[in-house]
Amino acid sequence: MKLSLYEQETILLYNQAEDTADVYTHDPKLLKKLARLAEKYPDQVRQKDAHSFIVPKRCVSVREPYSEQRREAARERAKAGGYLPPRRDLDPKTE
């Protein structure tokens, strides 16, 4: 069954006593990333079931949003380095 974007939720669950966090998600992009990490770091990232992973708590972070000045500086560095934005016409989701 295909879930709507609204239903593709992610839940992060951890407590102060343990060094790991449980990640429950239906986000396809995050599922792929977690599966890749579980394959690359099997001693640290474990898949519990189709939609749940256990990760080190230090992998979970909440960051301050980028300021517009910082975004513009990064944009200019990327242009100077010859980086191009991803082409939307090559995105399989849009086909």
PDB file of N, CA and C in Angstrom:
ATOM      1  N   MET A   1       0.835  -1.182   0.000  1.00  0.00           N
ATOM      2  CA  MET A   1       0.000   0.000   0.000  1.00  0.00           C
ATOM      3  C   MET A   1       0.878   1.242   0.000  1.00  0.00           C
ATOM      4  N   LYS A   2       0.628   2.135  -0.934  1.00  0.00           N
ATOM      5  CA  LYS A   2       1.400   3.362  -1.026  1.00  0.00           C
ATOM      6  C   LYS A   2       0.834   4.399  -0.055  1.00  0.00           C
ATOM      7  N   LEU A   3       1.718   4.974   0.738  1.00  0.00           N
ATOM      8  CA  LEU A   3       1.311   5.990   1.709  1.00  0.00           C
ATOM      9  C   LEU A   3       1.419   7.380   1.093  1.00  0.00           C
ATOM     10  N   SER A   4       0.558   8.279   1.521  1.00  0.00           N
ATOM     11  CA  SER A   4       0.652   9.668   1.075  1.00  0.00           C
ATOM     12  C   SER A   4       1.906  10.285   1.705  1.00  0.00           C
ATOM     13  N   LEU A   5       2.329  11.419   1.162  1.00  0.00           N
ATOM     14  CA  LEU A   5       3.491  12.100   1.736  1.00  0.00           C
ATOM     15  C   LEU A   5       3.255  12.456   3.195  1.00  0.00           C
ATOM     16  N   TYR A   6       2.027  12.801   3.523  1.00  0.00           N
ATOM     17  CA  TYR A   6       1.674  13.140   4.900  1.00  0.00           C
ATOM     18  C   TYR A   6       1.850  11.932   5.819  1.00  0.00           C
ATOM     19  N   GLU A   7       1.563  10.741   5.316  1.00  0.00           N
ATOM     20  CA  GLU A   7       1.644   9.527   6.119  1.00  0.00           C
ATOM     21  C   GLU A   7       3.065   8.963   6.219  1.00  0.00           C
ATOM     22  N   GLN A   8       3.981   9.446   5.404  1.00  0.00           N
ATOM     23  CA  GLN A   8       5.355   8.953   5.428  1.00  0.00           C
ATOM     24  C   GLN A   8       6.123   9.635   6.563  1.00  0.00           C
ATOM     25  N   GLU A   9       5.726   9.329   7.775  1.00  0.00           N
ATOM     26  CA  GLU A   9       6.300   9.983   8.945  1.00  0.00           C
ATOM     27  C   GLU A   9       7.584   9.304   9.401  1.00  0.00           C
ATOM     28  N   THR A  10       8.331  10.035  10.217  1.00  0.00           N
ATOM     29  CA  THR A  10       9.549   9.531  10.834  1.00  0.00           C
ATOM     30  C   THR A  10       9.467   9.832  12.318  1.00  0.00           C
ATOM     31  N   ILE A  11       9.777   8.831  13.130  1.00  0.00           N
ATOM     32  CA  ILE A  11       9.756   8.992  14.576  1.00  0.00           C
ATOM     33  C   ILE A  11      11.135   8.631  15.116  1.00  0.00           C
ATOM     34  N   LEU A  12      11.741   9.545  15.847  1.00  0.00           N
ATOM     35  CA  LEU A  12      13.016   9.305  16.523  1.00  0.00           C
ATOM     36  C   LEU A  12      12.713   9.137  17.997  1.00  0.00           C
ATOM     37  N   LEU A  13      13.202   8.046  18.576  1.00  0.00           N
ATOM     38  CA  LEU A  13      12.892   7.768  19.971  1.00  0.00           C
ATOM     39  C   LEU A  13      14.184   7.402  20.703  1.00  0.00           C
ATOM     40  N   TYR A  14      14.505   8.157  21.740  1.00  0.00           N
ATOM     41  CA  TYR A  14      15.676   7.831  22.553  1.00  0.00           C
ATOM     42  C   TYR A  14      15.454   8.343  23.963  1.00  0.00           C
ATOM     43  N   ASN A  15      16.299   7.849  24.869  1.00  0.00           N
ATOM     44  CA  ASN A  15      16.226   8.309  26.253  1.00  0.00           C
ATOM     45  C   ASN A  15      17.629   8.650  26.738  1.00  0.00           C
ATOM     46  N   GLN A  16      17.726   9.214  27.904  1.00  0.00           N
ATOM     47  CA  GLN A  16      19.016   9.651  28.443  1.00  0.00           C
ATOM     48  C   GLN A  16      19.891   8.494  28.924  1.00  0.00           C
ATOM     49  N   ALA A  17      19.299   7.344  29.202  1.00  0.00           N
ATOM     50  CA  ALA A  17      20.045   6.226  29.775  1.00  0.00           C
ATOM     51  C   ALA A  17      20.808   5.405  28.732  1.00  0.00           C
ATOM     52  N   GLU A  18      20.361   5.428  27.478  1.00  0.00           N
ATOM     53  CA  GLU A  18      20.982   4.575  26.469  1.00  0.00           C
ATOM     54  C   GLU A  18      21.743   5.406  25.438  1.00  0.00           C
ATOM     55  N   ASP A  19      22.701   4.763  24.776  1.00  0.00           N
ATOM     56  CA  ASP A  19      23.512   5.435  23.763  1.00  0.00           C
ATOM     57  C   ASP A  19      22.947   5.296  22.363  1.00  0.00           C
ATOM     58  N   THR A  20      21.791   4.656  22.216  1.00  0.00           N
ATOM     59  CA  THR A  20      21.211   4.443  20.896  1.00  0.00           C
ATOM     60  C   THR A  20      19.844   5.094  20.790  1.00  0.00           C
ATOM     61  N   ALA A  21      19.415   5.279  19.556  1.00  0.00           N
ATOM     62  CA  ALA A  21      18.095   5.827  19.266  1.00  0.00           C
ATOM     63  C   ALA A  21      17.386   4.884  18.309  1.00  0.00           C
ATOM     64  N   ASP A  22      16.090   4.775  18.443  1.00  0.00           N
ATOM     65  CA  ASP A  22      15.270   4.015  17.500  1.00  0.00           C
ATOM     66  C   ASP A  22      14.739   4.989  16.461  1.00  0.00           C
ATOM     67  N   VAL A  23      14.862   4.609  15.194  1.00  0.00           N
ATOM     68  CA  VAL A  23      14.337   5.414  14.094  1.00  0.00           C
ATOM     69  C   VAL A  23      13.285   4.583  13.379  1.00  0.00           C
ATOM     70  N   TYR A  24      12.060   5.078  13.389  1.00  0.00           N
ATOM     71  CA  TYR A  24      10.960   4.440  12.671  1.00  0.00           C
ATOM     72  C   TYR A  24      10.565   5.391  11.552  1.00  0.00           C
ATOM     73  N   THR A  25      10.585   4.911  10.308  1.00  0.00           N
ATOM     74  CA  THR A  25      10.289   5.804   9.200  1.00  0.00           C
ATOM     75  C   THR A  25       9.628   5.092   8.034  1.00  0.00           C
ATOM     76  N   HIS A  26       8.851   5.840   7.297  1.00  0.00           N
ATOM     77  CA  HIS A  26       8.295   5.388   6.021  1.00  0.00           C
ATOM     78  C   HIS A  26       8.832   6.263   4.893  1.00  0.00           C
ATOM     79  N   ASP A  27       9.795   7.130   5.197  1.00  0.00           N
ATOM     80  CA  ASP A  27      10.402   8.000   4.200  1.00  0.00           C
ATOM     81  C   ASP A  27      11.349   7.160   3.348  1.00  0.00           C
ATOM     82  N   PRO A  28      11.048   6.961   2.058  1.00  0.00           N
ATOM     83  CA  PRO A  28      11.875   6.077   1.219  1.00  0.00           C
ATOM     84  C   PRO A  28      13.341   6.496   1.149  1.00  0.00           C
ATOM     85  N   LYS A  29      13.590   7.795   1.072  1.00  0.00           N
ATOM     86  CA  LYS A  29      14.969   8.288   0.993  1.00  0.00           C
ATOM     87  C   LYS A  29      15.739   7.971   2.279  1.00  0.00           C
ATOM     88  N   LEU A  30      15.104   8.196   3.416  1.00  0.00           N
ATOM     89  CA  LEU A  30      15.751   7.908   4.698  1.00  0.00           C
ATOM     90  C   LEU A  30      15.931   6.403   4.894  1.00  0.00           C
ATOM     91  N   LEU A  31      14.965   5.605   4.456  1.00  0.00           N
ATOM     92  CA  LEU A  31      15.096   4.144   4.553  1.00  0.00           C
ATOM     93  C   LEU A  31      16.315   3.651   3.780  1.00  0.00           C
ATOM     94  N   LYS A  32      16.509   4.190   2.577  1.00  0.00           N
ATOM     95  CA  LYS A  32      17.680   3.801   1.769  1.00  0.00           C
ATOM     96  C   LYS A  32      18.972   4.195   2.469  1.00  0.00           C
ATOM     97  N   LYS A  33      18.997   5.396   3.024  1.00  0.00           N
ATOM     98  CA  LYS A  33      20.199   5.870   3.715  1.00  0.00           C
ATOM     99  C   LYS A  33      20.502   5.012   4.936  1.00  0.00           C
ATOM    100  N   LEU A  34      19.488   4.702   5.725  1.00  0.00           N
ATOM    101  CA  LEU A  34      19.693   3.865   6.909  1.00  0.00           C
ATOM    102  C   LEU A  34      20.131   2.457   6.521  1.00  0.00           C
ATOM    103  N   ALA A  35      19.567   1.901   5.462  1.00  0.00           N
ATOM    104  CA  ALA A  35      19.973   0.566   5.001  1.00  0.00           C
ATOM    105  C   ALA A  35      21.433   0.579   4.556  1.00  0.00           C
ATOM    106  N   ARG A  36      21.839   1.649   3.853  1.00  0.00           N
ATOM    107  CA  ARG A  36      23.245   1.786   3.432  1.00  0.00           C
ATOM    108  C   ARG A  36      24.163   1.864   4.653  1.00  0.00           C
ATOM    109  N   LEU A  37      23.742   2.635   5.658  1.00  0.00           N
ATOM    110  CA  LEU A  37      24.560   2.765   6.864  1.00  0.00           C
ATOM    111  C   LEU A  37      24.630   1.444   7.629  1.00  0.00           C
ATOM    112  N   ALA A  38      23.529   0.712   7.664  1.00  0.00           N
ATOM    113  CA  ALA A  38      23.519  -0.588   8.349  1.00  0.00           C
ATOM    114  C   ALA A  38      24.456  -1.568   7.660  1.00  0.00           C
ATOM    115  N   GLU A  39      24.539  -1.481   6.341  1.00  0.00           N
ATOM    116  CA  GLU A  39      25.449  -2.361   5.596  1.00  0.00           C
ATOM    117  C   GLU A  39      26.903  -1.951   5.808  1.00  0.00           C
ATOM    118  N   LYS A  40      27.142  -0.647   5.826  1.00  0.00           N
ATOM    119  CA  LYS A  40      28.506  -0.134   5.964  1.00  0.00           C
ATOM    120  C   LYS A  40      29.021  -0.226   7.400  1.00  0.00           C
ATOM    121  N   TYR A  41      28.129  -0.018   8.383  1.00  0.00           N
ATOM    122  CA  TYR A  41      28.513  -0.014   9.795  1.00  0.00           C
ATOM    123  C   TYR A  41      27.631  -0.982  10.588  1.00  0.00           C
ATOM    124  N   PRO A  42      27.716  -2.277  10.314  1.00  0.00           N
ATOM    125  CA  PRO A  42      26.807  -3.233  10.970  1.00  0.00           C
ATOM    126  C   PRO A  42      26.962  -3.306  12.487  1.00  0.00           C
ATOM    127  N   ASP A  43      28.108  -2.910  12.992  1.00  0.00           N
ATOM    128  CA  ASP A  43      28.317  -2.934  14.438  1.00  0.00           C
ATOM    129  C   ASP A  43      27.673  -1.736  15.142  1.00  0.00           C
ATOM    130  N   GLN A  44      27.281  -0.699  14.369  1.00  0.00           N
ATOM    131  CA  GLN A  44      26.718   0.502  14.970  1.00  0.00           C
ATOM    132  C   GLN A  44      25.263   0.764  14.579  1.00  0.00           C
ATOM    133  N   VAL A  45      24.906   0.427  13.338  1.00  0.00           N
ATOM    134  CA  VAL A  45      23.549   0.669  12.836  1.00  0.00           C
ATOM    135  C   VAL A  45      22.919  -0.674  12.508  1.00  0.00           C
ATOM    136  N   ARG A  46      21.764  -0.951  13.134  1.00  0.00           N
ATOM    137  CA  ARG A  46      21.104  -2.245  12.920  1.00  0.00           C
ATOM    138  C   ARG A  46      19.670  -2.038  12.468  1.00  0.00           C
ATOM    139  N   GLN A  47      19.249  -2.863  11.524  1.00  0.00           N
ATOM    140  CA  GLN A  47      17.861  -2.812  11.078  1.00  0.00           C
ATOM    141  C   GLN A  47      17.043  -3.763  11.936  1.00  0.00           C
ATOM    142  N   LYS A  48      15.974  -3.246  12.551  1.00  0.00           N
ATOM    143  CA  LYS A  48      15.101  -4.070  13.389  1.00  0.00           C
ATOM    144  C   LYS A  48      14.038  -4.762  12.558  1.00  0.00           C
ATOM    145  N   ASP A  49      13.405  -4.018  11.676  1.00  0.00           N
ATOM    146  CA  ASP A  49      12.400  -4.575  10.762  1.00  0.00           C
ATOM    147  C   ASP A  49      12.346  -3.670   9.536  1.00  0.00           C
ATOM    148  N   ALA A  50      11.322  -3.821   8.725  1.00  0.00           N
ATOM    149  CA  ALA A  50      11.260  -3.105   7.445  1.00  0.00           C
ATOM    150  C   ALA A  50      11.324  -1.587   7.589  1.00  0.00           C
ATOM    151  N   HIS A  51      10.875  -1.051   8.702  1.00  0.00           N
ATOM    152  CA  HIS A  51      10.807   0.404   8.854  1.00  0.00           C
ATOM    153  C   HIS A  51      11.492   0.922  10.113  1.00  0.00           C
ATOM    154  N   SER A  52      12.258   0.078  10.813  1.00  0.00           N
ATOM    155  CA  SER A  52      12.885   0.496  12.066  1.00  0.00           C
ATOM    156  C   SER A  52      14.369   0.161  12.092  1.00  0.00           C
ATOM    157  N   PHE A  53      15.136   1.111  12.608  1.00  0.00           N
ATOM    158  CA  PHE A  53      16.576   0.949  12.746  1.00  0.00           C
ATOM    159  C   PHE A  53      17.005   1.410  14.125  1.00  0.00           C
ATOM    160  N   ILE A  54      18.110   0.882  14.585  1.00  0.00           N
ATOM    161  CA  ILE A  54      18.747   1.353  15.809  1.00  0.00           C
ATOM    162  C   ILE A  54      20.047   2.018  15.388  1.00  0.00           C
ATOM    163  N   VAL A  55      20.229   3.265  15.803  1.00  0.00           N
ATOM    164  CA  VAL A  55      21.412   4.033  15.423  1.00  0.00           C
ATOM    165  C   VAL A  55      22.061   4.615  16.673  1.00  0.00           C
ATOM    166  N   PRO A  56      23.349   4.941  16.612  1.00  0.00           N
ATOM    167  CA  PRO A  56      23.964   5.636  17.744  1.00  0.00           C
ATOM    168  C   PRO A  56      23.272   6.984  17.957  1.00  0.00           C
ATOM    169  N   LYS A  57      23.021   7.318  19.186  1.00  0.00           N
ATOM    170  CA  LYS A  57      22.322   8.567  19.497  1.00  0.00           C
ATOM    171  C   LYS A  57      23.102   9.779  18.991  1.00  0.00           C
ATOM    172  N   ARG A  58      24.407   9.660  18.913  1.00  0.00           N
ATOM    173  CA  ARG A  58      25.212  10.785  18.430  1.00  0.00           C
ATOM    174  C   ARG A  58      24.949  11.095  16.951  1.00  0.00           C
ATOM    175  N   CYS A  59      24.293  10.187  16.235  1.00  0.00           N
ATOM    176  CA  CYS A  59      23.936  10.421  14.829  1.00  0.00           C
ATOM    177  C   CYS A  59      22.689  11.297  14.695  1.00  0.00           C
ATOM    178  N   VAL A  60      21.971  11.498  15.768  1.00  0.00           N
ATOM    179  CA  VAL A  60      20.750  12.307  15.737  1.00  0.00           C
ATOM    180  C   VAL A  60      21.119  13.719  16.166  1.00  0.00           C
ATOM    181  N   SER A  61      20.786  14.700  15.332  1.00  0.00           N
ATOM    182  CA  SER A  61      21.104  16.080  15.702  1.00  0.00           C
ATOM    183  C   SER A  61      20.031  17.025  15.198  1.00  0.00           C
ATOM    184  N   VAL A  62      19.919  18.136  15.888  1.00  0.00           N
ATOM    185  CA  VAL A  62      19.048  19.220  15.477  1.00  0.00           C
ATOM    186  C   VAL A  62      19.955  20.434  15.357  1.00  0.00           C
ATOM    187  N   ARG A  63      19.949  21.003  14.171  1.00  0.00           N
ATOM    188  CA  ARG A  63      20.871  22.110  13.921  1.00  0.00           C
ATOM    189  C   ARG A  63      20.124  23.411  13.731  1.00  0.00           C
ATOM    190  N   GLU A  64      20.849  24.484  13.946  1.00  0.00           N
ATOM    191  CA  GLU A  64      20.332  25.813  13.697  1.00  0.00           C
ATOM    192  C   GLU A  64      20.154  25.992  12.186  1.00  0.00           C
ATOM    193  N   PRO A  65      19.080  26.624  11.752  1.00  0.00           N
ATOM    194  CA  PRO A  65      18.892  26.837  10.313  1.00  0.00           C
ATOM    195  C   PRO A  65      19.991  27.732   9.737  1.00  0.00           C
ATOM    196  N   TYR A  66      20.330  27.497   8.470  1.00  0.00           N
ATOM    197  CA  TYR A  66      21.315  28.347   7.806  1.00  0.00           C
ATOM    198  C   TYR A  66      20.744  29.741   7.597  1.00  0.00           C
ATOM    199  N   SER A  67      21.577  30.743   7.809  1.00  0.00           N
ATOM    200  CA  SER A  67      21.157  32.112   7.512  1.00  0.00           C
ATOM    201  C   SER A  67      21.192  32.294   5.992  1.00  0.00           C
ATOM    202  N   GLU A  68      20.512  33.301   5.519  1.00  0.00           N
ATOM    203  CA  GLU A  68      20.513  33.574   4.073  1.00  0.00           C
ATOM    204  C   GLU A  68      21.923  33.922   3.603  1.00  0.00           C
ATOM    205  N   GLN A  69      22.707  34.592   4.439  1.00  0.00           N
ATOM    206  CA  GLN A  69      24.086  34.934   4.084  1.00  0.00           C
ATOM    207  C   GLN A  69      24.928  33.661   3.909  1.00  0.00           C
ATOM    208  N   ARG A  70      24.745  32.703   4.818  1.00  0.00           N
ATOM    209  CA  ARG A  70      25.504  31.458   4.728  1.00  0.00           C
ATOM    210  C   ARG A  70      25.090  30.666   3.482  1.00  0.00           C
ATOM    211  N   ARG A  71      23.794  30.648   3.179  1.00  0.00           N
ATOM    212  CA  ARG A  71      23.313  29.952   1.981  1.00  0.00           C
ATOM    213  C   ARG A  71      23.883  30.591   0.722  1.00  0.00           C
ATOM    214  N   GLU A  72      23.907  31.915   0.688  1.00  0.00           N
ATOM    215  CA  GLU A  72      24.435  32.623  -0.480  1.00  0.00           C
ATOM    216  C   GLU A  72      25.931  32.369  -0.638  1.00  0.00           C
ATOM    217  N   ALA A  73      26.679  32.361   0.456  1.00  0.00           N
ATOM    218  CA  ALA A  73      28.118  32.082   0.391  1.00  0.00           C
ATOM    219  C   ALA A  73      28.371  30.665  -0.123  1.00  0.00           C
ATOM    220  N   ALA A  74      27.584  29.701   0.344  1.00  0.00           N
ATOM    221  CA  ALA A  74      27.727  28.327  -0.132  1.00  0.00           C
ATOM    222  C   ALA A  74      27.370  28.233  -1.613  1.00  0.00           C
ATOM    223  N   ARG A  75      26.337  28.949  -2.023  1.00  0.00           N
ATOM    224  CA  ARG A  75      25.929  28.964  -3.433  1.00  0.00           C
ATOM    225  C   ARG A  75      27.059  29.505  -4.306  1.00  0.00           C
ATOM    226  N   GLU A  76      27.685  30.588  -3.865  1.00  0.00           N
ATOM    227  CA  GLU A  76      28.786  31.194  -4.625  1.00  0.00           C
ATOM    228  C   GLU A  76      29.995  30.256  -4.690  1.00  0.00           C
ATOM    229  N   ARG A  77      30.305  29.582  -3.577  1.00  0.00           N
ATOM    230  CA  ARG A  77      31.422  28.619  -3.582  1.00  0.00           C
ATOM    231  C   ARG A  77      31.148  27.482  -4.557  1.00  0.00           C
ATOM    232  N   ALA A  78      29.916  27.020  -4.585  1.00  0.00           N
ATOM    233  CA  ALA A  78      29.550  25.937  -5.497  1.00  0.00           C
ATOM    234  C   ALA A  78      29.679  26.387  -6.948  1.00  0.00           C
ATOM    235  N   LYS A  79      29.212  27.584  -7.250  1.00  0.00           N
ATOM    236  CA  LYS A  79      29.335  28.108  -8.615  1.00  0.00           C
ATOM    237  C   LYS A  79      30.797  28.226  -9.011  1.00  0.00           C
ATOM    238  N   ALA A  80      31.623  28.765  -8.097  1.00  0.00           N
ATOM    239  CA  ALA A  80      33.047  28.936  -8.378  1.00  0.00           C
ATOM    240  C   ALA A  80      33.734  27.586  -8.574  1.00  0.00           C
ATOM    241  N   GLY A  81      33.234  26.563  -7.882  1.00  0.00           N
ATOM    242  CA  GLY A  81      33.817  25.221  -8.013  1.00  0.00           C
ATOM    243  C   GLY A  81      33.257  24.440  -9.192  1.00  0.00           C
ATOM    244  N   GLY A  82      32.315  25.032  -9.912  1.00  0.00           N
ATOM    245  CA  GLY A  82      31.763  24.370 -11.085  1.00  0.00           C
ATOM    246  C   GLY A  82      30.657  23.369 -10.786  1.00  0.00           C
ATOM    247  N   TYR A  83      30.106  23.405  -9.583  1.00  0.00           N
ATOM    248  CA  TYR A  83      29.022  22.483  -9.244  1.00  0.00           C
ATOM    249  C   TYR A  83      27.709  22.976  -9.839  1.00  0.00           C
ATOM    250  N   LEU A  84      26.906  22.043 -10.302  1.00  0.00           N
ATOM    251  CA  LEU A  84      25.601  22.371 -10.869  1.00  0.00           C
ATOM    252  C   LEU A  84      24.513  21.725 -10.028  1.00  0.00           C
ATOM    253  N   PRO A  85      23.343  22.362  -9.947  1.00  0.00           N
ATOM    254  CA  PRO A  85      22.247  21.740  -9.202  1.00  0.00           C
ATOM    255  C   PRO A  85      21.783  20.473  -9.916  1.00  0.00           C
ATOM    256  N   PRO A  86      21.158  19.542  -9.182  1.00  0.00           N
ATOM    257  CA  PRO A  86      20.660  18.327  -9.829  1.00  0.00           C
ATOM    258  C   PRO A  86      19.623  18.681 -10.883  1.00  0.00           C
ATOM    259  N   ARG A  87      19.644  17.936 -11.978  1.00  0.00           N
ATOM    260  CA  ARG A  87      18.683  18.176 -13.061  1.00  0.00           C
ATOM    261  C   ARG A  87      17.383  17.478 -12.724  1.00  0.00           C
ATOM    262  N   ARG A  88      16.309  18.232 -12.679  1.00  0.00           N
ATOM    263  CA  ARG A  88      14.986  17.685 -12.350  1.00  0.00           C
ATOM    264  C   ARG A  88      14.492  16.717 -13.419  1.00  0.00           C
ATOM    265  N   ASP A  89      14.896  16.937 -14.673  1.00  0.00           N
ATOM    266  CA  ASP A  89      14.417  16.062 -15.739  1.00  0.00           C
ATOM    267  C   ASP A  89      15.035  14.664 -15.671  1.00  0.00           C
ATOM    268  N   LEU A  90      16.053  14.470 -14.840  1.00  0.00           N
ATOM    269  CA  LEU A  90      16.670  13.162 -14.667  1.00  0.00           C
ATOM    270  C   LEU A  90      16.174  12.457 -13.407  1.00  0.00           C
ATOM    271  N   ASP A  91      15.346  13.141 -12.642  1.00  0.00           N
ATOM    272  CA  ASP A  91      14.825  12.584 -11.395  1.00  0.00           C
ATOM    273  C   ASP A  91      13.772  11.525 -11.707  1.00  0.00           C
ATOM    274  N   PRO A  92      13.988  10.248 -11.276  1.00  0.00           N
ATOM    275  CA  PRO A  92      13.023   9.189 -11.590  1.00  0.00           C
ATOM    276  C   PRO A  92      11.652   9.426 -10.974  1.00  0.00           C
ATOM    277  N   LYS A  93      11.550  10.229  -9.941  1.00  0.00           N
ATOM    278  CA  LYS A  93      10.258  10.501  -9.304  1.00  0.00           C
ATOM    279  C   LYS A  93       9.363  11.351 -10.199  1.00  0.00           C
ATOM    280  N   THR A  94       9.970  12.117 -11.107  1.00  0.00           N
ATOM    281  CA  THR A  94       9.174  13.007 -11.953  1.00  0.00           C
ATOM    282  C   THR A  94       8.744  12.343 -13.248  1.00  0.00           C
ATOM    283  N   GLU A  95       9.236  11.158 -13.512  1.00  0.00           N
ATOM    284  CA  GLU A  95       8.892  10.468 -14.759  1.00  0.00           C
ATOM    285  C   GLU A  95       7.613   9.704 -14.633  1.00  0.00           C
TER     286      GLU A  95
END
